[in-house]
Amino acid sequence: MPRQFWLHTEFPVTILRPPSPVTTLARKLRLHDYFALGFGTMIGVGWLVLMDDWLARGGPLGAALAFALGCLILLPVGYVYGKWVQRLPDASGEAAYTAQVFPPLVSFFTGWIMLLAYFIVCPWEAVAIGKLAAYLFPSLDSFKLYSVAGQPVFLPRLLLGVALTILLTFLNYRGIRASARFQGWITSAVLILFAVAAFFSLRRGSFSNIHPAFRSTPFLSILLTLQIVPYFMTGFESIPKVAEEAHPGFPPRSFFRAIVLALFIGAGFYVLSIVAVSFAAPWQSLLGKSFATAIAFEHAIGSHWPVALIVIAGICGLCQCFNGNFVAASRLLFSFGRRATIPSGFASIHPRHQTPHVAVLAISAGTLLGVFLGDALLVPVTEVGSMASAFGWLAACLSLALVESLPRVRLVALLGALVSALLFAMKLFPIFPGHFSRDEWFALSLWLLIGILLHALSPVIARRNASSSTT
């Protein structure tokens, strides 16, 4: 409020206080926004570029059953996040949950590892956009600039990745409403475009293309595919990261509804894509083929237009996955600054747009660096991302089991912890196929080192700011 002071005149002089800084994020998200975020973070381009690998692991029925089973297995983990977000709607997610029962240092590094799961997707998608677009426009594979680990970096594809990163940075800098609207449009486009292509392929396909239904024995076929399912189902737990930005009238229980919708519709999308591709063309003829999904639809319809349609749908999927992970990563980074576990400057909120603009710019800068490095160095780090997700799930489930008093909720939390522990172990221990290699251990160590440096700098910068404010 303005205050009035009487000087040595007959008129009062009004002294205006400077406006207080904005300390809260904009609250504008509703149920459909949360669903689009969770679904979009989950559904990228795996269904387009890795379909041949899924079929090689399990065959049509083995792969489809594995994704359906994976959804059911992850339901306890989704239930835990639904409970946590009602108890503690905090952008720091796993860091806030573990802080209830574990020491602060454990809490910070739990959140820091989870941040990696979201952040590393951003440069990967920025690089992949050029690879997808080059399938439609081969001229993009020209003007080679340099090579990284033997992989060429082309100027047009580099510029495309930079442009997409700048676009998403602009949307997220301007406001969560703009970002959510973009996410909703892109999610709708993915579902509609895929539905159109799947409809025509199912009309022209044949049940004979599905035989044999399994690659080997049913059990082994399902198991080999189930190992990779959690990586492609990661994203439902991004919903609590923007819980603070819910509309004031948003019911807390609806967070769990959004998580369940993302899990079931995401798994349904994967199952339908596997069945549609296998129905459209003999699945064994697709093994080892890039863009097997598009090739299968072209085979069924006998025209090239389904290829363009599916690749466009894949680009939309890439954009929604990029944006969803960008939002989650920026909110986590912002929350660490607010908790003073990293320099507090990351917690700055834009006075007009009410967005964590410093965190948004930091994620953007890291993404652009990854784009210039190319995809060769990002592959091992992507594998670290699947481990990071499982670790975050495990921490959230264990924390709820320790603080919850109701036996039923505690039992579900322990079940989620068991599932997460198995998924976590599959990446770390050599007895499991697909475990960490030397490159992945190096990538994880480098990420932890960055976290240690930022964590150590936080009190130093805080003392310097305090001393400068008193002088």
Protein backbone atom coordinates (compact mmCIF):
# COMPACT_ATOMS: atom_id res chain seq x y z
CA MET A 1 0.00 0.00 0.00
CA PRO A 2 1.23 3.57 -0.60
CA ARG A 3 2.37 5.43 2.48
CA GLN A 4 2.07 9.21 3.02
CA PHE A 5 4.72 11.36 4.68
CA TRP A 6 4.27 15.04 5.65
CA LEU A 7 7.23 17.11 4.61
CA HIS A 8 7.71 20.78 5.48
CA THR A 9 4.91 21.76 3.12
CA GLU A 10 1.17 21.87 3.39
CA PHE A 11 0.67 18.95 0.97
CA PRO A 12 1.27 15.26 1.68
CA VAL A 13 3.86 13.42 -0.43
CA THR A 14 3.03 9.84 -1.41
CA ILE A 15 5.90 7.36 -1.46
CA LEU A 16 5.16 4.26 -3.59
CA ARG A 17 6.74 1.01 -2.53
CA PRO A 18 8.35 -1.00 -5.32
CA PRO A 19 6.19 -3.89 -6.49
CA SER A 20 6.96 -7.14 -4.72
CA PRO A 21 8.44 -9.86 -6.92
CA VAL A 22 6.13 -12.57 -8.22
CA THR A 23 6.66 -15.70 -6.16
CA THR A 24 4.03 -18.08 -7.52
CA LEU A 25 3.50 -19.74 -10.88
CA ALA A 26 0.42 -19.09 -12.99
CA ARG A 27 -2.48 -21.45 -12.13
CA LYS A 28 -4.27 -22.28 -15.39
CA LEU A 29 -4.10 -26.04 -16.03
CA ARG A 30 -7.13 -28.35 -16.17
CA LEU A 31 -7.67 -32.10 -16.56
CA HIS A 32 -7.24 -32.19 -20.35
CA ASP A 33 -4.00 -30.20 -20.02
CA TYR A 34 -2.60 -32.69 -17.53
CA PHE A 35 -3.60 -35.63 -19.71
CA ALA A 36 -1.96 -34.04 -22.77
CA LEU A 37 1.22 -33.46 -20.75
CA GLY A 38 1.40 -37.04 -19.43
CA PHE A 39 0.44 -38.67 -22.73
CA GLY A 40 2.66 -36.36 -24.76
CA THR A 41 5.69 -36.93 -22.57
CA MET A 42 5.15 -40.67 -23.01
CA ILE A 43 4.42 -40.97 -26.75
CA GLY A 44 7.34 -39.85 -28.87
CA VAL A 45 8.58 -41.54 -32.05
CA GLY A 46 9.39 -45.04 -30.75
CA TRP A 47 6.25 -46.47 -32.37
CA LEU A 48 7.54 -45.20 -35.72
CA VAL A 49 11.31 -45.76 -35.69
CA LEU A 50 11.63 -48.78 -33.36
CA MET A 51 8.68 -50.94 -34.42
CA ASP A 52 11.01 -53.47 -36.06
CA ASP A 53 12.87 -53.92 -32.77
CA TRP A 54 9.63 -54.49 -30.84
CA LEU A 55 8.50 -57.12 -33.34
CA ALA A 56 11.94 -58.76 -33.33
CA ARG A 57 11.75 -59.13 -29.56
CA GLY A 58 8.27 -60.54 -29.16
CA GLY A 59 6.40 -60.85 -32.42
CA PRO A 60 3.00 -59.14 -32.81
CA LEU A 61 1.15 -60.75 -29.91
CA GLY A 62 4.16 -60.93 -27.61
CA ALA A 63 4.92 -57.21 -28.06
CA ALA A 64 1.27 -56.15 -27.71
CA LEU A 65 0.78 -58.21 -24.55
CA ALA A 66 4.02 -56.85 -23.09
CA PHE A 67 2.84 -53.24 -23.44
CA ALA A 68 -0.58 -54.10 -21.99
CA LEU A 69 1.07 -55.93 -19.09
CA GLY A 70 3.53 -53.07 -18.59
CA CYS A 71 0.62 -50.68 -18.12
CA LEU A 72 -0.85 -52.90 -15.39
CA ILE A 73 2.54 -53.32 -13.70
CA LEU A 74 3.02 -49.55 -13.56
CA LEU A 75 -0.44 -48.87 -12.09
CA PRO A 76 0.86 -49.15 -8.47
CA VAL A 77 3.56 -46.60 -9.31
CA GLY A 78 0.93 -44.29 -10.83
CA TYR A 79 -1.21 -44.76 -7.72
CA VAL A 80 1.73 -43.68 -5.54
CA TYR A 81 2.23 -40.50 -7.56
CA GLY A 82 -1.49 -39.80 -7.37
CA LYS A 83 -1.32 -40.05 -3.58
CA TRP A 84 1.81 -37.94 -3.33
CA VAL A 85 0.50 -35.11 -5.49
CA GLN A 86 -2.57 -34.82 -3.23
CA ARG A 87 -0.38 -34.78 -0.13
CA LEU A 88 2.33 -32.55 -1.51
CA PRO A 89 1.65 -30.63 -4.75
CA ASP A 90 5.26 -29.54 -5.21
CA ALA A 91 7.14 -29.01 -8.48
CA SER A 92 10.22 -30.74 -7.05
CA GLY A 93 8.37 -34.07 -7.15
CA GLU A 94 10.62 -36.88 -5.98
CA ALA A 95 12.93 -34.47 -4.17
CA ALA A 96 10.02 -33.23 -2.05
CA TYR A 97 8.68 -36.73 -1.43
CA THR A 98 11.98 -38.18 -0.26
CA ALA A 99 12.64 -35.09 1.88
CA GLN A 100 9.85 -36.28 4.17
CA VAL A 101 11.84 -39.34 5.28
CA PHE A 102 15.43 -39.07 4.02
CA PRO A 103 18.30 -36.58 4.64
CA PRO A 104 18.42 -33.44 2.46
CA LEU A 105 21.41 -34.65 0.42
CA VAL A 106 19.59 -37.87 -0.51
CA SER A 107 16.53 -35.84 -1.41
CA PHE A 108 18.50 -33.52 -3.70
CA PHE A 109 20.31 -36.21 -5.63
CA THR A 110 17.11 -38.24 -6.03
CA GLY A 111 15.53 -35.24 -7.72
CA TRP A 112 18.71 -34.47 -9.65
CA ILE A 113 18.81 -37.97 -11.15
CA MET A 114 15.12 -37.70 -12.02
CA LEU A 115 15.81 -34.38 -13.76
CA LEU A 116 18.18 -36.22 -16.08
CA ALA A 117 15.33 -38.50 -17.21
CA TYR A 118 13.43 -35.48 -18.55
CA PHE A 119 16.26 -33.24 -19.65
CA ILE A 120 18.10 -35.73 -21.84
CA VAL A 121 14.99 -36.29 -23.95
CA CYS A 122 15.08 -32.64 -25.06
CA PRO A 123 18.35 -32.65 -27.08
CA TRP A 124 17.56 -36.14 -28.33
CA GLU A 125 14.24 -35.00 -29.79
CA ALA A 126 15.83 -31.83 -31.19
CA VAL A 127 18.29 -34.04 -33.09
CA ALA A 128 15.66 -36.61 -34.12
CA ILE A 129 13.43 -33.99 -35.77
CA GLY A 130 16.04 -33.65 -38.53
CA LYS A 131 16.28 -37.40 -39.01
CA LEU A 132 12.51 -37.72 -39.41
CA ALA A 133 12.16 -34.72 -41.70
CA ALA A 134 15.00 -36.03 -43.88
CA TYR A 135 12.88 -39.10 -44.60
CA LEU A 136 10.40 -36.82 -46.39
CA PHE A 137 12.97 -34.31 -47.66
CA PRO A 138 16.28 -36.09 -48.40
CA SER A 139 17.91 -32.78 -49.31
CA LEU A 140 18.20 -32.10 -45.57
CA ASP A 141 21.09 -34.58 -45.54
CA SER A 142 23.44 -32.10 -47.19
CA PHE A 143 25.99 -29.43 -46.25
CA LYS A 144 27.94 -31.57 -43.80
CA LEU A 145 29.56 -29.37 -41.13
CA TYR A 146 31.55 -31.85 -39.05
CA SER A 147 31.36 -35.32 -37.50
CA VAL A 148 30.98 -36.46 -33.90
CA ALA A 149 32.03 -40.03 -33.13
CA GLY A 150 31.83 -40.82 -36.82
CA GLN A 151 28.30 -39.43 -37.21
CA PRO A 152 27.90 -36.47 -39.60
CA VAL A 153 26.17 -33.26 -38.54
CA PHE A 154 24.32 -31.60 -41.43
CA LEU A 155 23.54 -27.88 -41.47
CA PRO A 156 19.81 -28.07 -42.48
CA ARG A 157 19.06 -30.68 -39.80
CA LEU A 158 21.02 -28.67 -37.25
CA LEU A 159 19.05 -25.52 -38.06
CA LEU A 160 15.77 -27.46 -37.81
CA GLY A 161 16.65 -28.72 -34.34
CA VAL A 162 17.70 -25.24 -33.22
CA ALA A 163 14.48 -23.72 -34.60
CA LEU A 164 12.26 -26.24 -32.78
CA THR A 165 14.16 -25.64 -29.53
CA ILE A 166 13.73 -21.87 -29.86
CA LEU A 167 10.01 -22.28 -30.59
CA LEU A 168 9.41 -24.39 -27.48
CA THR A 169 11.56 -22.04 -25.40
CA PHE A 170 9.43 -19.11 -26.56
CA LEU A 171 6.17 -20.92 -25.72
CA ASN A 172 7.34 -21.97 -22.26
CA TYR A 173 8.86 -18.57 -21.55
CA ARG A 174 5.63 -16.77 -22.42
CA GLY A 175 3.37 -18.88 -20.21
CA ILE A 176 2.14 -22.34 -19.25
CA ARG A 177 -1.16 -21.65 -21.03
CA ALA A 178 0.59 -21.26 -24.39
CA SER A 179 2.64 -24.39 -23.80
CA ALA A 180 -0.42 -26.41 -22.72
CA ARG A 181 -2.44 -25.22 -25.72
CA PHE A 182 0.39 -26.29 -28.05
CA GLN A 183 0.58 -29.65 -26.27
CA GLY A 184 -3.15 -30.20 -26.67
CA TRP A 185 -3.11 -29.41 -30.39
CA ILE A 186 -0.16 -31.68 -31.08
CA THR A 187 -1.61 -34.56 -29.02
CA SER A 188 -4.88 -34.32 -30.97
CA ALA A 189 -2.97 -34.30 -34.25
CA VAL A 190 -1.03 -37.45 -33.34
CA LEU A 191 -4.19 -39.36 -32.40
CA ILE A 192 -6.15 -38.23 -35.47
CA LEU A 193 -3.38 -38.82 -38.01
CA PHE A 194 -2.57 -42.25 -36.62
CA ALA A 195 -6.25 -43.21 -36.49
CA VAL A 196 -6.69 -42.31 -40.17
CA ALA A 197 -3.68 -44.35 -41.28
CA ALA A 198 -4.60 -47.29 -39.03
CA PHE A 199 -8.19 -47.32 -40.35
CA PHE A 200 -7.11 -47.66 -43.98
CA SER A 201 -4.44 -50.24 -43.18
CA LEU A 202 -6.87 -52.40 -41.18
CA ARG A 203 -9.29 -52.35 -44.12
CA ARG A 204 -6.59 -53.60 -46.51
CA GLY A 205 -4.60 -55.85 -44.17
CA SER A 206 -4.91 -59.55 -43.40
CA PHE A 207 -4.90 -61.77 -40.30
CA SER A 208 -2.43 -64.05 -42.06
CA ASN A 209 0.23 -61.33 -41.70
CA ILE A 210 0.20 -61.75 -37.91
CA HIS A 211 1.31 -65.41 -37.96
CA PRO A 212 3.37 -66.53 -36.14
CA ALA A 213 2.03 -64.47 -33.23
CA PHE A 214 5.20 -64.85 -31.11
CA ARG A 215 8.86 -64.58 -32.03
CA SER A 216 9.79 -67.56 -29.81
CA THR A 217 7.97 -69.05 -26.82
CA PRO A 218 5.14 -66.86 -25.50
CA PHE A 219 6.83 -66.32 -22.14
CA LEU A 220 10.21 -65.34 -23.60
CA SER A 221 8.62 -63.15 -26.26
CA ILE A 222 6.67 -61.17 -23.66
CA LEU A 223 9.65 -60.96 -21.29
CA LEU A 224 12.10 -59.64 -23.91
CA THR A 225 9.68 -56.85 -24.86
CA LEU A 226 8.66 -56.13 -21.27
CA GLN A 227 12.25 -55.13 -20.49
CA ILE A 228 11.95 -52.02 -22.67
CA VAL A 229 8.31 -51.13 -21.97
CA PRO A 230 8.97 -48.90 -18.91
CA TYR A 231 11.21 -46.64 -20.97
CA PHE A 232 8.40 -45.99 -23.47
CA MET A 233 5.82 -45.60 -20.68
CA THR A 234 7.81 -42.94 -18.83
CA GLY A 235 5.90 -39.66 -18.68
CA PHE A 236 2.87 -40.20 -16.47
CA GLU A 237 4.90 -39.05 -13.45
CA SER A 238 5.55 -35.70 -15.15
CA ILE A 239 2.02 -34.60 -14.18
CA PRO A 240 2.89 -33.84 -10.52
CA LYS A 241 5.75 -31.58 -11.68
CA VAL A 242 3.19 -28.95 -12.71
CA ALA A 243 0.74 -29.56 -9.87
CA GLU A 244 1.33 -26.03 -8.56
CA GLU A 245 0.00 -24.64 -11.84
CA ALA A 246 -3.45 -26.25 -11.56
CA HIS A 247 -6.51 -24.04 -11.96
CA PRO A 248 -7.78 -22.86 -8.54
CA GLY A 249 -10.92 -25.00 -8.94
CA PHE A 250 -9.06 -28.16 -9.97
CA PRO A 251 -10.00 -31.13 -7.70
CA PRO A 252 -6.88 -32.77 -6.18
CA ARG A 253 -8.17 -36.26 -6.96
CA SER A 254 -8.20 -35.42 -10.66
CA PHE A 255 -4.41 -35.63 -10.72
CA PHE A 256 -4.69 -39.40 -10.35
CA ARG A 257 -7.37 -39.47 -13.04
CA ALA A 258 -4.96 -37.73 -15.42
CA ILE A 259 -2.20 -40.22 -14.53
CA VAL A 260 -4.47 -43.23 -15.16
CA LEU A 261 -5.74 -41.76 -18.43
CA ALA A 262 -2.17 -41.18 -19.64
CA LEU A 263 -1.14 -44.73 -18.69
CA PHE A 264 -4.11 -46.52 -20.27
CA ILE A 265 -4.42 -44.42 -23.42
CA GLY A 266 -0.65 -44.45 -23.88
CA ALA A 267 -0.50 -48.25 -23.56
CA GLY A 268 -3.55 -48.56 -25.81
CA PHE A 269 -1.83 -46.43 -28.45
CA TYR A 270 1.23 -48.69 -28.40
CA VAL A 271 -0.84 -51.89 -28.53
CA LEU A 272 -2.95 -50.59 -31.41
CA SER A 273 0.13 -49.48 -33.36
CA ILE A 274 1.71 -52.95 -33.02
CA VAL A 275 -1.48 -54.72 -34.08
CA ALA A 276 -2.14 -52.33 -36.99
CA VAL A 277 1.40 -52.67 -38.35
CA SER A 278 1.38 -56.48 -38.05
CA PHE A 279 -2.05 -56.65 -39.70
CA ALA A 280 -0.98 -54.37 -42.55
CA ALA A 281 2.08 -56.35 -43.69
CA PRO A 282 3.84 -59.63 -42.88
CA TRP A 283 5.67 -58.62 -39.71
CA GLN A 284 8.78 -60.73 -40.39
CA SER A 285 9.38 -58.75 -43.59
CA LEU A 286 9.64 -55.57 -41.51
CA LEU A 287 12.52 -56.69 -39.31
CA GLY A 288 15.61 -54.54 -39.73
CA LYS A 289 13.70 -51.86 -41.64
CA SER A 290 13.84 -48.20 -40.67
CA PHE A 291 10.38 -46.62 -40.30
CA ALA A 292 8.75 -50.07 -40.33
CA THR A 293 5.39 -48.56 -39.35
CA ALA A 294 5.25 -46.35 -42.43
CA ILE A 295 6.47 -49.16 -44.69
CA ALA A 296 3.75 -51.50 -43.41
CA PHE A 297 0.98 -48.98 -44.07
CA GLU A 298 2.35 -48.29 -47.54
CA HIS A 299 2.32 -52.04 -48.23
CA ALA A 300 -1.32 -52.37 -47.13
CA ILE A 301 -2.72 -49.38 -49.01
CA GLY A 302 -0.45 -49.58 -52.05
CA SER A 303 0.30 -45.89 -52.06
CA HIS A 304 3.05 -43.60 -50.77
CA TRP A 305 0.78 -41.10 -49.01
CA PRO A 306 0.50 -43.18 -45.79
CA VAL A 307 4.27 -42.86 -45.38
CA ALA A 308 4.05 -39.08 -45.42
CA LEU A 309 1.04 -39.15 -43.08
CA ILE A 310 2.75 -41.42 -40.56
CA VAL A 311 6.01 -39.46 -40.65
CA ILE A 312 4.05 -36.23 -40.05
CA ALA A 313 2.30 -37.94 -37.13
CA GLY A 314 5.73 -39.01 -35.89
CA ILE A 315 7.00 -35.42 -36.08
CA CYS A 316 3.95 -34.29 -34.09
CA GLY A 317 4.66 -37.04 -31.54
CA LEU A 318 8.23 -35.87 -31.32
CA CYS A 319 7.13 -32.28 -30.68
CA GLN A 320 4.68 -33.27 -27.91
CA CYS A 321 7.31 -35.47 -26.26
CA PHE A 322 9.90 -32.69 -26.51
CA ASN A 323 7.53 -30.11 -25.04
CA GLY A 324 6.31 -32.37 -22.23
CA ASN A 325 9.82 -33.21 -21.11
CA PHE A 326 10.86 -29.56 -21.48
CA VAL A 327 8.07 -28.50 -19.11
CA ALA A 328 8.89 -31.20 -16.54
CA ALA A 329 12.64 -30.51 -16.65
CA SER A 330 12.25 -26.74 -16.27
CA ARG A 331 9.89 -27.15 -13.29
CA LEU A 332 12.26 -29.52 -11.54
CA LEU A 333 15.20 -27.17 -12.08
CA PHE A 334 13.12 -24.23 -10.84
CA SER A 335 12.10 -26.13 -7.71
CA PHE A 336 15.71 -26.97 -6.83
CA GLY A 337 16.54 -23.26 -6.93
CA ARG A 338 13.54 -22.53 -4.71
CA ARG A 339 14.71 -25.15 -2.21
CA ALA A 340 18.20 -23.53 -2.33
CA THR A 341 19.83 -26.86 -3.20
CA ILE A 342 21.27 -25.13 -6.29
CA PRO A 343 21.79 -21.36 -6.80
CA SER A 344 18.53 -19.57 -6.07
CA GLY A 345 18.63 -17.66 -9.35
CA PHE A 346 17.05 -20.71 -11.00
CA ALA A 347 13.93 -20.03 -8.92
CA SER A 348 13.24 -16.68 -10.56
CA ILE A 349 9.68 -16.19 -11.81
CA HIS A 350 8.92 -13.79 -14.65
CA PRO A 351 6.90 -10.87 -13.25
CA ARG A 352 4.56 -10.74 -16.23
CA HIS A 353 4.31 -14.29 -17.60
CA GLN A 354 4.59 -16.05 -14.21
CA THR A 355 6.90 -18.68 -15.64
CA PRO A 356 10.23 -20.00 -14.29
CA HIS A 357 12.02 -18.13 -17.06
CA VAL A 358 15.60 -18.69 -15.84
CA ALA A 359 15.04 -22.44 -15.58
CA VAL A 360 13.40 -22.42 -19.02
CA LEU A 361 16.41 -20.65 -20.54
CA ALA A 362 18.81 -23.03 -18.78
CA ILE A 363 17.06 -26.13 -20.17
CA SER A 364 17.02 -24.46 -23.59
CA ALA A 365 20.77 -23.76 -23.43
CA GLY A 366 21.53 -27.36 -22.48
CA THR A 367 19.32 -28.61 -25.29
CA LEU A 368 21.05 -26.42 -27.87
CA LEU A 369 24.41 -27.74 -26.73
CA GLY A 370 23.18 -31.28 -27.29
CA VAL A 371 21.92 -30.37 -30.76
CA PHE A 372 25.39 -29.20 -31.78
CA LEU A 373 26.97 -32.37 -30.42
CA GLY A 374 24.73 -34.52 -32.60
CA ASP A 375 23.07 -37.81 -31.76
CA ALA A 376 26.21 -39.96 -31.51
CA LEU A 377 27.03 -38.89 -27.95
CA LEU A 378 23.41 -38.86 -26.79
CA VAL A 379 22.64 -42.55 -27.26
CA PRO A 380 24.38 -43.75 -24.05
CA VAL A 381 22.87 -40.89 -22.07
CA THR A 382 19.40 -41.88 -23.29
CA GLU A 383 19.92 -45.30 -21.74
CA VAL A 384 20.75 -43.54 -18.47
CA GLY A 385 17.36 -41.83 -18.71
CA SER A 386 15.46 -45.10 -18.37
CA MET A 387 17.47 -45.95 -15.25
CA ALA A 388 16.83 -42.50 -13.83
CA SER A 389 13.07 -42.90 -14.23
CA ALA A 390 13.07 -46.26 -12.44
CA PHE A 391 15.18 -44.78 -9.64
CA GLY A 392 12.76 -41.88 -9.20
CA TRP A 393 9.78 -44.25 -9.11
CA LEU A 394 11.54 -46.39 -6.50
CA ALA A 395 12.28 -43.38 -4.30
CA ALA A 396 8.69 -42.10 -4.51
CA CYS A 397 7.22 -45.52 -3.67
CA LEU A 398 9.58 -46.15 -0.74
CA SER A 399 8.92 -42.70 0.70
CA LEU A 400 5.14 -43.17 0.62
CA ALA A 401 5.45 -46.63 2.19
CA LEU A 402 7.40 -45.08 5.07
CA VAL A 403 5.06 -42.15 5.76
CA GLU A 404 1.69 -43.78 5.05
CA SER A 405 -0.31 -45.21 7.97
CA LEU A 406 -3.05 -47.01 6.02
CA PRO A 407 -2.03 -50.65 5.41
CA ARG A 408 -3.72 -50.82 1.98
CA VAL A 409 -1.91 -47.76 0.65
CA ARG A 410 1.38 -48.95 2.15
CA LEU A 411 0.97 -52.34 0.46
CA VAL A 412 0.41 -50.73 -2.94
CA ALA A 413 3.44 -48.48 -2.37
CA LEU A 414 5.61 -51.49 -1.53
CA LEU A 415 4.37 -53.26 -4.65
CA GLY A 416 5.32 -50.21 -6.71
CA ALA A 417 8.72 -50.16 -5.02
CA LEU A 418 9.27 -53.81 -5.93
CA VAL A 419 8.41 -53.19 -9.59
CA SER A 420 10.64 -50.10 -9.71
CA ALA A 421 13.54 -51.92 -8.01
CA LEU A 422 13.43 -54.69 -10.61
CA LEU A 423 13.43 -52.16 -13.45
CA PHE A 424 16.28 -50.26 -11.81
CA ALA A 425 18.32 -53.45 -11.32
CA MET A 426 17.85 -54.45 -14.96
CA LYS A 427 19.91 -51.42 -16.01
CA LEU A 428 22.66 -51.63 -13.39
CA PHE A 429 23.55 -55.29 -12.95
CA PRO A 430 25.41 -57.28 -15.64
CA ILE A 431 23.23 -60.38 -15.19
CA PHE A 432 20.50 -58.59 -17.14
CA PRO A 433 20.70 -57.91 -20.91
CA GLY A 434 20.86 -54.21 -21.75
CA HIS A 435 22.74 -53.25 -18.57
CA PHE A 436 24.96 -50.17 -18.32
CA SER A 437 28.09 -50.00 -20.45
CA ARG A 438 31.19 -47.91 -19.73
CA ASP A 439 29.81 -44.96 -21.74
CA GLU A 440 26.60 -44.93 -19.71
CA TRP A 441 28.48 -45.03 -16.41
CA PHE A 442 30.56 -42.09 -17.63
CA ALA A 443 27.43 -40.13 -18.64
CA LEU A 444 25.82 -40.72 -15.24
CA SER A 445 29.01 -39.74 -13.41
CA LEU A 446 29.27 -36.52 -15.41
CA TRP A 447 25.66 -35.61 -14.60
CA LEU A 448 26.22 -36.27 -10.88
CA LEU A 449 29.37 -34.13 -10.99
CA ILE A 450 27.38 -31.20 -12.41
CA GLY A 451 24.87 -31.64 -9.59
CA ILE A 452 27.63 -31.69 -6.97
CA LEU A 453 29.13 -28.46 -8.34
CA LEU A 454 25.78 -26.63 -8.41
CA HIS A 455 24.92 -27.90 -4.94
CA ALA A 456 28.28 -26.72 -3.59
CA LEU A 457 27.91 -23.31 -5.25
CA SER A 458 24.48 -22.64 -3.75
CA PRO A 459 25.58 -21.55 -0.22
CA VAL A 460 28.54 -19.60 -1.61
CA ILE A 461 26.32 -17.54 -3.90
CA ALA A 462 23.73 -17.12 -1.14
CA ARG A 463 26.35 -15.68 1.26
CA ARG A 464 27.65 -13.35 -1.43
CA ASN A 465 24.14 -12.09 -2.19
CA ALA A 466 23.46 -11.59 1.52
CA SER A 467 26.66 -9.61 2.05
CA SER A 468 26.05 -7.42 -0.99
CA SER A 469 22.50 -6.63 0.15
CA THR A 470 23.72 -5.40 3.54
CA THR A 471 26.30 -3.03 2.07
